[in-house]
Amino acid sequence: MSDLRPRSRSVSGIARHGQLHASGPVVTVLKFVAAALAVVLVSAVSIGGIAVSQINNNIKTVALSGEKQGPMPDLGSFEGGFNMLIVGSDTRANQGAQFGKDDGVLNDVTMLVHVSKDQSNAVAVSIPRDMVVPIPACPKENDKGNYNSMSAQPINNTLAYGGLACTVLTVEALTGLKIPFAALITFQGVIQMSTAVGGVPVCINGPLVDRYSGIDLPAAGTYTLAGADALAFLRSRHGVGDGSDLGRISSQQVFLSSLVRTVKSNDTLTNFTKLYGIATAASQNMTLSNSLKDIKTMASLALVLKGIPLNRITFVQYPGTTGMGGVYAGKVAPLTSIATALFAKIKSDEPFTLDSGTGRGSVADPTAPVSPAPVSPAPSTSAAPAPTGSAAAATPPPSGAVSGVLGQTAADYTCSKVNR
């Protein structure tokens, strides 16, 4: 059973200052998000100039703290690495009667995506929603002063406290990384985008039934999930792992890895109907930072993400633990020493492997396809440049491990571990 207390739908002790307002449907949730944004970017590249103005007009934007608008890049001209924060809101506004009514706006998912400077690898770090962290002073939406800083609050309070900009500032302070790009996503976005991609194959190691999220998969096996079923799977906490959010993170990484493999498959990347549907659904169901509002920027980032091989796309959980007392009672406490080692690797763009398993909510897939043995290259007397982009596909996996970090790569086939 979970060490965490039942999830609150409101932010206790915090004024709900920073709710984001948008006309029409708001935006998308859960750990579908990291791969979901990659889906959007790849789609933007593939559809080219078709209905680009229509898609651009659908996009809603919000300013980040200190954000400055620079010149838009030419298509394919983005150089170097970048950091992007992807936030999933649990808002019920405009999401449909099936989700009930609630005025809460919590960041149910907070995921930092880092692409290395040489564009050969990417890391997506999921920060548990119940992790207690310092929240810095966040700017008010009218640019007149700041909300007060706080020393210890669950990170999922930041969206309600000061909007997307506050969540970005908090993650910047926590990780030491500057984040110029951010996206906010909601329930309906997950439903529409998982349908547009044609469904995502997901493996489970037993019957997965969770009356809280609505998922009902009767037996072990692989299911192709789309629409409301995909959302119910991603929302399931009680049905996977040990019933905690830490278990749900690794279960969601099962979905994310499969989604990346699906999106990078030839069938998806060459199917105009799928690509246009994905781009349209995403543009209608996302709120982006001003830095992402032009489709040229999205397309330029997409060309980077599209070329990274599966074994160099790594999903990890920000190191944390449950069962602590004090301000961490019923919440998640960060494991600072392990996090420091992890982010030292990320900041130095040094690729790494994981030696601690996938996490509480997933296990290796016993029916995973067997990769062919790598062919050793012929010896060469001349130095070759480091591979980047699609050329990195032939690059072997990195050898350096970070102890205590849980996760998997997009090349790893895993199954969600049901909570029996």
Protein backbone atom coordinates (compact mmCIF):
# COMPACT_ATOMS: atom_id res chain seq x y z
CA MET A 1 0.00 0.00 0.00
CA SER A 2 1.03 3.60 -0.49
CA ASP A 3 2.87 5.65 2.12
CA LEU A 4 1.23 8.74 0.66
CA ARG A 5 -1.92 10.35 1.88
CA PRO A 6 -4.96 10.46 -0.44
CA ARG A 7 -4.58 13.19 -2.97
CA SER A 8 -6.16 16.54 -2.23
CA ARG A 9 -8.06 18.33 -4.93
CA SER A 10 -7.32 21.75 -3.49
CA VAL A 11 -4.18 23.52 -2.31
CA SER A 12 -4.30 23.71 1.46
CA GLY A 13 -3.00 26.94 2.92
CA ILE A 14 -2.21 28.52 -0.44
CA ALA A 15 -4.22 31.21 -2.17
CA ARG A 16 -5.16 30.19 -5.69
CA HIS A 17 -3.54 33.14 -7.37
CA GLY A 18 -2.04 31.88 -10.57
CA GLN A 19 -4.70 29.99 -12.44
CA LEU A 20 -4.22 30.13 -16.19
CA HIS A 21 -7.19 31.38 -18.15
CA ALA A 22 -7.72 30.43 -21.77
CA SER A 23 -10.65 30.60 -24.13
CA GLY A 24 -11.96 27.34 -25.46
CA PRO A 25 -10.57 23.97 -24.31
CA VAL A 26 -7.73 24.21 -21.82
CA VAL A 27 -4.75 21.87 -22.09
CA THR A 28 -3.42 18.21 -21.35
CA VAL A 29 -2.15 15.99 -18.35
CA LEU A 30 0.02 13.14 -17.14
CA LYS A 31 3.15 11.54 -18.19
CA PHE A 32 2.04 11.10 -21.71
CA VAL A 33 3.25 14.68 -21.82
CA ALA A 34 6.94 14.39 -22.52
CA ALA A 35 6.45 12.08 -25.44
CA ALA A 36 3.26 13.93 -26.37
CA LEU A 37 5.13 17.15 -26.99
CA ALA A 38 7.71 15.25 -29.01
CA VAL A 39 4.77 13.94 -31.05
CA VAL A 40 3.67 17.51 -31.71
CA LEU A 41 7.12 18.59 -32.79
CA VAL A 42 7.73 15.65 -35.11
CA SER A 43 4.30 16.22 -36.61
CA ALA A 44 5.07 19.87 -37.24
CA VAL A 45 8.11 18.90 -39.29
CA SER A 46 6.27 16.28 -41.29
CA ILE A 47 3.19 18.23 -42.31
CA GLY A 48 5.30 21.07 -43.68
CA GLY A 49 3.29 24.06 -44.84
CA ILE A 50 -0.12 22.36 -44.94
CA ALA A 51 -2.61 24.23 -42.75
CA VAL A 52 0.26 25.67 -40.70
CA SER A 53 -1.59 28.96 -40.17
CA GLN A 54 -4.64 27.09 -38.88
CA ILE A 55 -2.53 25.13 -36.42
CA ASN A 56 -0.68 28.27 -35.31
CA ASN A 57 -3.99 30.03 -34.68
CA ASN A 58 -5.09 27.22 -32.34
CA ILE A 59 -2.10 27.61 -30.03
CA LYS A 60 -2.53 29.40 -26.69
CA THR A 61 0.52 30.93 -25.04
CA VAL A 62 1.71 32.25 -21.68
CA ALA A 63 4.82 34.27 -20.74
CA LEU A 64 7.55 32.82 -18.53
CA SER A 65 9.41 34.94 -16.00
CA GLY A 66 12.01 37.10 -17.73
CA GLU A 67 11.22 35.58 -21.11
CA LYS A 68 12.61 37.50 -24.05
CA GLN A 69 11.52 37.01 -27.63
CA GLY A 70 14.40 36.41 -29.98
CA PRO A 71 14.38 35.89 -33.76
CA MET A 72 12.60 32.75 -34.93
CA PRO A 73 14.99 30.08 -36.23
CA ASP A 74 14.92 28.91 -39.80
CA LEU A 75 13.55 25.41 -40.21
CA GLY A 76 16.21 22.94 -39.16
CA SER A 77 18.61 25.58 -37.87
CA PHE A 78 18.35 24.94 -34.11
CA GLU A 79 21.82 24.39 -32.70
CA GLY A 80 22.94 22.98 -29.38
CA GLY A 81 20.90 21.52 -26.55
CA PHE A 82 17.82 22.78 -24.74
CA ASN A 83 15.64 22.28 -21.68
CA MET A 84 11.86 22.06 -21.77
CA LEU A 85 9.38 21.70 -18.91
CA ILE A 86 6.18 19.78 -19.57
CA VAL A 87 3.41 20.24 -17.03
CA GLY A 88 0.18 18.27 -16.75
CA SER A 89 -2.78 20.03 -15.12
CA ASP A 90 -5.54 18.13 -13.33
CA THR A 91 -8.08 20.89 -14.00
CA ARG A 92 -11.64 19.73 -14.65
CA ALA A 93 -12.60 22.94 -16.46
CA ASN A 94 -13.85 22.20 -19.98
CA GLN A 95 -12.70 18.59 -19.71
CA GLY A 96 -16.14 16.92 -19.72
CA ALA A 97 -18.75 15.86 -17.20
CA GLN A 98 -17.15 12.43 -16.77
CA PHE A 99 -14.34 14.02 -14.73
CA GLY A 100 -16.64 15.80 -12.28
CA LYS A 101 -16.42 19.38 -11.10
CA ASP A 102 -13.46 20.77 -9.21
CA ASP A 103 -11.91 24.22 -9.15
CA GLY A 104 -8.47 22.85 -8.29
CA VAL A 105 -5.57 23.50 -10.66
CA LEU A 106 -2.61 21.36 -9.60
CA ASN A 107 0.38 20.34 -11.71
CA ASP A 108 -0.29 16.62 -11.52
CA VAL A 109 2.77 15.98 -13.68
CA THR A 110 6.02 17.92 -13.82
CA MET A 111 8.60 16.63 -16.30
CA LEU A 112 11.88 18.23 -17.35
CA VAL A 113 13.25 17.25 -20.77
CA HIS A 114 16.95 17.90 -21.41
CA VAL A 115 18.61 17.48 -24.82
CA SER A 116 22.41 17.41 -24.85
CA LYS A 117 24.46 20.06 -26.61
CA ASP A 118 25.63 17.60 -29.27
CA GLN A 119 22.00 16.45 -29.73
CA SER A 120 22.96 12.80 -29.28
CA ASN A 121 20.86 12.03 -26.18
CA ALA A 122 17.83 13.20 -24.21
CA VAL A 123 16.73 12.73 -20.60
CA ALA A 124 13.18 13.22 -19.25
CA VAL A 125 13.10 13.67 -15.47
CA SER A 126 9.74 13.13 -13.77
CA ILE A 127 9.39 15.05 -10.49
CA PRO A 128 6.89 13.37 -8.13
CA ARG A 129 3.87 15.61 -7.60
CA ASP A 130 4.04 15.07 -3.80
CA MET A 131 7.75 15.94 -3.51
CA VAL A 132 8.25 18.71 -0.95
CA VAL A 133 10.51 21.48 -2.28
CA PRO A 134 11.19 25.20 -1.74
CA ILE A 135 9.04 27.47 -3.90
CA PRO A 136 10.73 30.75 -4.86
CA ALA A 137 9.05 34.13 -5.08
CA CYS A 138 6.90 33.98 -8.21
CA PRO A 139 5.81 36.97 -10.31
CA LYS A 140 2.17 37.96 -10.26
CA GLU A 141 0.27 37.66 -13.52
CA ASN A 142 -0.14 41.45 -13.78
CA ASP A 143 3.64 41.94 -13.40
CA LYS A 144 3.07 44.00 -10.26
CA GLY A 145 5.20 42.37 -7.61
CA ASN A 146 5.72 38.76 -6.53
CA TYR A 147 3.99 36.10 -4.51
CA ASN A 148 5.98 35.19 -1.41
CA SER A 149 8.49 32.38 -1.43
CA MET A 150 7.83 29.27 0.69
CA SER A 151 10.33 26.89 2.24
CA ALA A 152 8.54 23.54 1.97
CA GLN A 153 5.51 22.76 -0.21
CA PRO A 154 4.54 19.88 -2.52
CA ILE A 155 5.65 20.84 -6.01
CA ASN A 156 2.15 20.26 -7.40
CA ASN A 157 1.01 23.44 -5.62
CA THR A 158 3.06 25.69 -7.90
CA LEU A 159 0.62 25.83 -10.80
CA ALA A 160 -2.19 27.08 -8.57
CA TYR A 161 0.13 29.44 -6.70
CA GLY A 162 1.71 31.32 -9.59
CA GLY A 163 0.86 29.63 -12.88
CA LEU A 164 3.15 27.90 -15.35
CA ALA A 165 5.86 30.53 -14.81
CA CYS A 166 6.00 29.63 -11.09
CA THR A 167 6.36 25.92 -11.85
CA VAL A 168 9.24 26.73 -14.22
CA LEU A 169 11.00 28.91 -11.60
CA THR A 170 10.62 26.18 -8.97
CA VAL A 171 12.13 23.50 -11.21
CA GLU A 172 14.95 25.83 -12.23
CA ALA A 173 15.78 26.38 -8.54
CA LEU A 174 15.53 22.64 -7.81
CA THR A 175 17.72 21.47 -10.71
CA GLY A 176 20.03 24.42 -11.45
CA LEU A 177 19.00 24.31 -15.13
CA LYS A 178 17.63 27.28 -17.09
CA ILE A 179 14.35 26.37 -18.80
CA PRO A 180 13.44 28.51 -21.83
CA PHE A 181 10.61 26.30 -23.15
CA ALA A 182 7.48 25.09 -21.36
CA ALA A 183 4.16 23.45 -22.19
CA LEU A 184 0.96 22.82 -20.25
CA ILE A 185 -1.31 19.91 -21.14
CA THR A 186 -4.70 18.42 -19.79
CA PHE A 187 -7.07 15.42 -19.80
CA GLN A 188 -8.66 16.05 -23.21
CA GLY A 189 -5.27 16.41 -24.85
CA VAL A 190 -4.29 12.91 -23.73
CA ILE A 191 -7.57 11.52 -25.04
CA GLN A 192 -7.37 13.21 -28.44
CA MET A 193 -3.65 12.75 -29.06
CA SER A 194 -3.54 9.07 -28.09
CA THR A 195 -6.42 8.52 -30.51
CA ALA A 196 -4.69 10.50 -33.26
CA VAL A 197 -1.51 8.44 -32.97
CA GLY A 198 -3.57 5.26 -33.43
CA GLY A 199 -3.19 3.93 -29.89
CA VAL A 200 -0.19 2.88 -27.83
CA PRO A 201 0.67 -0.79 -27.07
CA VAL A 202 0.97 -1.23 -23.29
CA CYS A 203 2.03 -4.41 -21.45
CA ILE A 204 0.74 -5.34 -17.98
CA ASN A 205 1.84 -8.31 -15.85
CA GLY A 206 -1.61 -9.12 -14.45
CA PRO A 207 -5.22 -7.87 -14.25
CA LEU A 208 -5.26 -4.08 -13.92
CA VAL A 209 -8.45 -2.76 -12.35
CA ASP A 210 -8.67 0.68 -10.75
CA ARG A 211 -12.13 2.05 -10.01
CA TYR A 212 -10.66 5.48 -9.22
CA SER A 213 -9.25 6.03 -12.73
CA GLY A 214 -11.68 3.71 -14.56
CA ILE A 215 -9.10 1.36 -16.08
CA ASP A 216 -10.23 -2.27 -16.38
CA LEU A 217 -7.86 -4.66 -18.17
CA PRO A 218 -8.87 -8.21 -17.25
CA ALA A 219 -5.64 -10.18 -17.71
CA ALA A 220 -1.89 -9.96 -18.24
CA GLY A 221 -0.84 -9.12 -21.78
CA THR A 222 -0.43 -6.25 -24.21
CA TYR A 223 -3.28 -3.85 -24.96
CA THR A 224 -3.38 -1.05 -27.50
CA LEU A 225 -4.78 1.91 -25.56
CA ALA A 226 -6.29 5.06 -27.05
CA GLY A 227 -8.68 7.81 -26.00
CA ALA A 228 -10.28 7.51 -22.56
CA ASP A 229 -8.61 4.12 -21.96
CA ALA A 230 -5.15 5.66 -22.41
CA LEU A 231 -6.03 8.45 -19.98
CA ALA A 232 -7.43 5.98 -17.42
CA PHE A 233 -4.21 3.94 -17.61
CA LEU A 234 -2.02 6.99 -17.11
CA ARG A 235 -4.11 8.25 -14.22
CA SER A 236 -4.08 4.92 -12.40
CA ARG A 237 -2.21 5.07 -9.11
CA HIS A 238 -4.07 2.57 -6.94
CA GLY A 239 -3.89 -0.11 -9.65
CA VAL A 240 -0.12 -0.17 -10.21
CA GLY A 241 3.04 -0.65 -8.19
CA ASP A 242 2.48 -0.06 -4.48
CA GLY A 243 -0.39 2.39 -4.99
CA SER A 244 1.85 5.45 -4.66
CA ASP A 245 2.71 8.21 -7.10
CA LEU A 246 6.25 6.83 -7.27
CA GLY A 247 4.79 3.58 -8.58
CA ARG A 248 2.63 5.44 -11.06
CA ILE A 249 5.66 7.28 -12.47
CA SER A 250 7.39 4.05 -13.53
CA SER A 251 4.10 2.64 -14.86
CA GLN A 252 3.63 5.76 -16.95
CA GLN A 253 7.16 5.35 -18.30
CA VAL A 254 6.01 2.01 -19.74
CA PHE A 255 3.47 3.99 -21.77
CA LEU A 256 5.92 6.78 -22.65
CA SER A 257 8.59 4.44 -23.98
CA SER A 258 6.05 2.61 -26.12
CA LEU A 259 4.65 5.93 -27.34
CA VAL A 260 8.08 7.11 -28.45
CA ARG A 261 8.65 3.84 -30.32
CA THR A 262 5.23 4.21 -31.96
CA VAL A 263 5.82 7.80 -33.01
CA LYS A 264 9.29 7.08 -34.38
CA SER A 265 8.04 4.11 -36.39
CA ASN A 266 7.86 4.44 -40.16
CA ASP A 267 4.11 3.90 -40.10
CA THR A 268 3.47 7.00 -38.01
CA LEU A 269 6.09 9.27 -39.53
CA THR A 270 4.93 8.58 -43.07
CA ASN A 271 1.17 8.62 -42.40
CA PHE A 272 -0.14 12.10 -43.22
CA THR A 273 -3.57 11.49 -41.70
CA LYS A 274 -2.05 10.52 -38.35
CA LEU A 275 0.46 13.35 -38.38
CA TYR A 276 -2.10 16.01 -39.20
CA GLY A 277 -4.49 14.64 -36.58
CA ILE A 278 -1.75 14.64 -33.94
CA ALA A 279 -0.66 18.20 -34.72
CA THR A 280 -4.23 19.50 -34.75
CA ALA A 281 -5.20 17.77 -31.50
CA ALA A 282 -2.06 19.02 -29.79
CA SER A 283 -2.45 22.62 -30.94
CA GLN A 284 -6.04 22.67 -29.68
CA ASN A 285 -5.16 21.19 -26.29
CA MET A 286 -1.90 22.77 -25.20
CA THR A 287 -0.74 26.06 -23.71
CA LEU A 288 2.84 26.89 -24.66
CA SER A 289 5.39 29.40 -23.46
CA ASN A 290 5.79 32.35 -25.84
CA SER A 291 9.14 30.86 -26.87
CA LEU A 292 7.28 27.93 -28.49
CA LYS A 293 4.40 29.76 -30.13
CA ASP A 294 5.81 29.79 -33.64
CA ILE A 295 5.61 26.50 -35.51
CA LYS A 296 9.10 27.10 -36.93
CA THR A 297 10.52 26.86 -33.43
CA MET A 298 8.56 23.68 -32.76
CA ALA A 299 9.69 22.18 -36.04
CA SER A 300 13.33 23.06 -35.41
CA LEU A 301 13.23 21.35 -32.02
CA ALA A 302 11.47 18.40 -33.63
CA LEU A 303 14.32 17.81 -36.04
CA VAL A 304 16.59 17.45 -33.02
CA LEU A 305 14.31 15.03 -31.14
CA LYS A 306 13.50 13.01 -34.23
CA GLY A 307 17.14 12.07 -34.75
CA ILE A 308 17.92 10.77 -31.25
CA PRO A 309 18.05 6.94 -31.12
CA LEU A 310 15.75 5.06 -28.75
CA ASN A 311 18.54 3.85 -26.46
CA ARG A 312 19.63 7.46 -25.92
CA ILE A 313 16.17 8.67 -24.79
CA THR A 314 16.03 8.03 -21.04
CA PHE A 315 13.07 8.44 -18.68
CA VAL A 316 14.04 8.80 -15.01
CA GLN A 317 12.38 9.67 -11.72
CA TYR A 318 13.75 12.54 -9.63
CA PRO A 319 15.28 10.65 -6.68
CA GLY A 320 12.89 10.61 -3.74
CA THR A 321 11.52 8.44 -0.97
CA THR A 322 8.41 8.08 1.18
CA GLY A 323 8.01 7.27 4.88
CA MET A 324 9.83 10.32 6.24
CA GLY A 325 8.50 12.55 9.04
CA GLY A 326 8.20 16.26 9.66
CA VAL A 327 7.33 18.33 6.58
CA TYR A 328 7.66 15.13 4.51
CA ALA A 329 4.99 13.17 6.42
CA GLY A 330 2.70 11.54 3.85
CA LYS A 331 4.72 13.17 1.05
CA VAL A 332 7.93 12.52 -0.93
CA ALA A 333 11.32 13.63 0.38
CA PRO A 334 14.07 14.34 -2.19
CA LEU A 335 17.22 12.23 -2.02
CA THR A 336 19.61 15.12 -2.43
CA SER A 337 22.92 13.27 -2.86
CA ILE A 338 21.56 11.02 -5.61
CA ALA A 339 19.87 13.98 -7.33
CA THR A 340 23.15 15.90 -7.25
CA ALA A 341 24.94 13.04 -9.00
CA LEU A 342 22.15 12.74 -11.58
CA PHE A 343 22.11 16.42 -12.47
CA ALA A 344 25.91 16.57 -12.62
CA LYS A 345 25.63 14.07 -15.48
CA ILE A 346 22.79 16.00 -17.11
CA LYS A 347 24.49 19.41 -16.85
CA SER A 348 27.72 18.05 -18.32
CA ASP A 349 25.76 16.34 -21.14
CA GLU A 350 27.39 13.07 -20.14
CA PRO A 351 25.26 10.06 -21.18
CA PHE A 352 24.65 7.49 -18.47
CA THR A 353 23.02 4.15 -17.73
CA LEU A 354 20.74 3.12 -14.87
CA ASP A 355 21.65 0.36 -12.42
CA SER A 356 18.73 0.44 -9.98
CA GLY A 357 15.83 -1.03 -11.95
CA THR A 358 12.80 0.55 -13.52
CA GLY A 359 10.86 1.49 -10.37
CA ARG A 360 7.95 0.44 -8.17
CA GLY A 361 5.40 0.23 -10.96
CA SER A 362 7.10 -1.64 -13.80
CA VAL A 363 9.02 -4.82 -14.63
CA ALA A 364 10.93 -6.11 -17.65
CA ASP A 365 8.72 -7.47 -20.44
CA PRO A 366 9.45 -11.21 -20.70
CA THR A 367 8.24 -11.22 -24.33
CA ALA A 368 10.40 -8.27 -25.44
CA PRO A 369 11.96 -8.60 -28.90
CA VAL A 370 15.61 -9.62 -28.87
CA SER A 371 17.93 -7.06 -30.42
CA PRO A 372 20.61 -8.39 -32.78
CA ALA A 373 24.14 -8.44 -31.42
CA PRO A 374 26.05 -5.27 -32.33
CA VAL A 375 28.62 -5.58 -35.09
CA SER A 376 32.09 -4.40 -34.08
CA PRO A 377 33.37 -1.70 -36.44
CA ALA A 378 36.54 -2.29 -38.40
CA PRO A 379 39.63 -0.68 -36.84
CA SER A 380 40.48 2.74 -38.20
CA THR A 381 43.66 4.75 -38.04
CA SER A 382 41.91 8.10 -38.45
CA ALA A 383 39.82 9.85 -35.80
CA ALA A 384 36.14 10.20 -36.56
CA PRO A 385 33.92 13.04 -35.38
CA ALA A 386 31.40 12.35 -32.61
CA PRO A 387 28.04 11.30 -34.08
CA THR A 388 25.05 13.60 -33.71
CA GLY A 389 21.40 13.53 -34.68
CA SER A 390 20.34 10.52 -36.74
CA ALA A 391 23.98 9.47 -37.12
CA ALA A 392 23.94 8.66 -33.40
CA ALA A 393 21.57 5.76 -34.09
CA ALA A 394 24.57 3.47 -34.48
CA THR A 395 26.11 4.67 -31.21
CA PRO A 396 26.31 2.00 -28.47
CA PRO A 397 24.61 2.76 -25.16
CA PRO A 398 26.64 4.77 -22.64
CA SER A 399 28.63 2.90 -19.99
CA GLY A 400 28.62 5.21 -16.95
CA ALA A 401 25.93 4.36 -14.37
CA VAL A 402 24.23 6.64 -11.86
CA SER A 403 23.49 4.65 -8.70
CA GLY A 404 20.06 4.94 -7.13
CA VAL A 405 18.24 6.48 -10.11
CA LEU A 406 15.16 4.62 -11.35
CA GLY A 407 13.92 4.61 -14.93
CA GLN A 408 14.32 3.14 -18.40
CA THR A 409 15.16 4.08 -21.97
CA ALA A 410 12.71 4.25 -24.87
CA ALA A 411 14.40 1.11 -26.23
CA ASP A 412 13.50 -0.90 -23.12
CA TYR A 413 10.35 -3.03 -23.33
CA THR A 414 8.63 -3.11 -19.93
CA CYS A 415 5.28 -4.03 -18.39
CA SER A 416 3.29 -2.16 -15.78
CA LYS A 417 3.41 -4.01 -12.47
CA VAL A 418 -0.14 -4.33 -11.16
CA ASN A 419 -0.95 -3.67 -7.50
CA ARG A 420 -2.25 -7.07 -6.43
